[in-house]
Amino acid sequence: MTTDSRDDKVDAEVDALGLLCPLPVLKARKRLLEMAPGAVLRLVASDPAAIVDMPHFCAQAGHALLAMEESAGRVTFLIRRGG
């Protein structure tokens, strides 16, 4: 999924560059738990497994994956916290 992320208000950001599975997902989970339902998290990761792990995590945890953009060896995710 690739969308234009500039239209979404970002409430928090997580830099997971250099971290390997499962750390990007664990960092996303921890930060999302601190956020209000409906808030948007931007997470940037360099782990190739994040492309599979993050959508799966969002589906299982009830969060909405708004965007996933790949560029220059990194993936940026926009995730809206579920209720």
Protein backbone atom coordinates (compact mmCIF):
# COMPACT_ATOMS: atom_id res chain seq x y z
CA MET A 1 0.00 0.00 0.00
CA THR A 2 1.43 3.36 -0.95
CA THR A 3 -0.41 6.60 -0.34
CA ASP A 4 0.48 10.25 -0.02
CA SER A 5 1.13 10.73 3.69
CA ARG A 6 1.23 14.54 3.58
CA ASP A 7 -2.54 14.76 3.96
CA ASP A 8 -2.57 13.03 7.36
CA LYS A 9 -1.92 14.85 10.62
CA VAL A 10 0.82 13.04 12.52
CA ASP A 11 0.53 13.09 16.31
CA ALA A 12 3.70 11.15 17.18
CA GLU A 13 6.77 9.70 15.50
CA VAL A 14 8.97 6.67 16.17
CA ASP A 15 12.43 6.21 14.65
CA ALA A 16 13.06 2.47 14.38
CA LEU A 17 15.95 2.77 11.91
CA GLY A 18 18.60 0.13 12.53
CA LEU A 19 16.31 -2.01 14.70
CA LEU A 20 15.52 -5.58 13.71
CA CYS A 21 12.39 -7.67 14.20
CA PRO A 22 10.54 -7.60 16.54
CA LEU A 23 11.71 -4.20 17.83
CA PRO A 24 9.96 -1.93 15.28
CA VAL A 25 6.61 -3.56 16.09
CA LEU A 26 7.27 -3.45 19.84
CA LYS A 27 8.16 0.25 19.66
CA ALA A 28 5.01 0.94 17.63
CA ARG A 29 2.89 -1.00 20.11
CA LYS A 30 4.32 0.84 23.10
CA ARG A 31 3.87 4.28 21.53
CA LEU A 32 0.35 3.56 20.27
CA LEU A 33 -0.72 2.47 23.77
CA GLU A 34 0.25 5.95 25.00
CA MET A 35 -1.82 7.67 22.31
CA ALA A 36 -5.52 8.51 22.15
CA PRO A 37 -7.78 6.50 19.84
CA GLY A 38 -7.76 8.07 16.37
CA ALA A 39 -4.29 9.58 16.77
CA VAL A 40 -1.77 8.96 13.98
CA LEU A 41 1.72 7.53 14.47
CA ARG A 42 4.50 7.79 11.88
CA LEU A 43 7.09 5.04 12.22
CA VAL A 44 10.24 4.81 10.09
CA ALA A 45 12.02 1.45 9.91
CA SER A 46 14.89 -0.07 7.93
CA ASP A 47 14.19 -3.73 8.77
CA PRO A 48 12.93 -5.48 5.60
CA ALA A 49 10.66 -7.68 7.76
CA ALA A 50 8.72 -4.59 8.87
CA ILE A 51 6.93 -4.59 5.49
CA VAL A 52 5.21 -7.82 6.58
CA ASP A 53 5.23 -7.37 10.35
CA MET A 54 3.66 -3.92 10.64
CA PRO A 55 0.53 -4.59 8.54
CA HIS A 56 0.02 -7.86 10.42
CA PHE A 57 0.43 -6.11 13.78
CA CYS A 58 -2.06 -3.40 12.79
CA ALA A 59 -4.65 -5.95 11.68
CA GLN A 60 -4.27 -8.01 14.85
CA ALA A 61 -4.30 -5.02 17.22
CA GLY A 62 -7.17 -3.16 15.56
CA HIS A 63 -5.17 -0.22 14.23
CA ALA A 64 -5.56 1.22 10.72
CA LEU A 65 -2.52 1.19 8.45
CA LEU A 66 -3.04 4.44 6.55
CA ALA A 67 0.12 4.38 4.45
CA MET A 68 3.28 2.43 3.79
CA GLU A 69 5.97 4.10 1.69
CA GLU A 70 9.30 2.56 0.72
CA SER A 71 12.25 4.76 -0.20
CA ALA A 72 16.04 4.49 0.01
CA GLY A 73 16.14 1.38 2.19
CA ARG A 74 13.57 2.60 4.67
CA VAL A 75 9.85 2.17 5.09
CA THR A 76 7.56 4.81 6.56
CA PHE A 77 4.27 3.71 8.09
CA LEU A 78 1.32 5.87 9.08
CA ILE A 79 -0.85 4.12 11.63
CA ARG A 80 -4.12 5.38 13.11
CA ARG A 81 -4.66 4.05 16.64
CA GLY A 82 -7.73 1.92 16.99
CA GLY A 83 -10.40 2.38 19.63
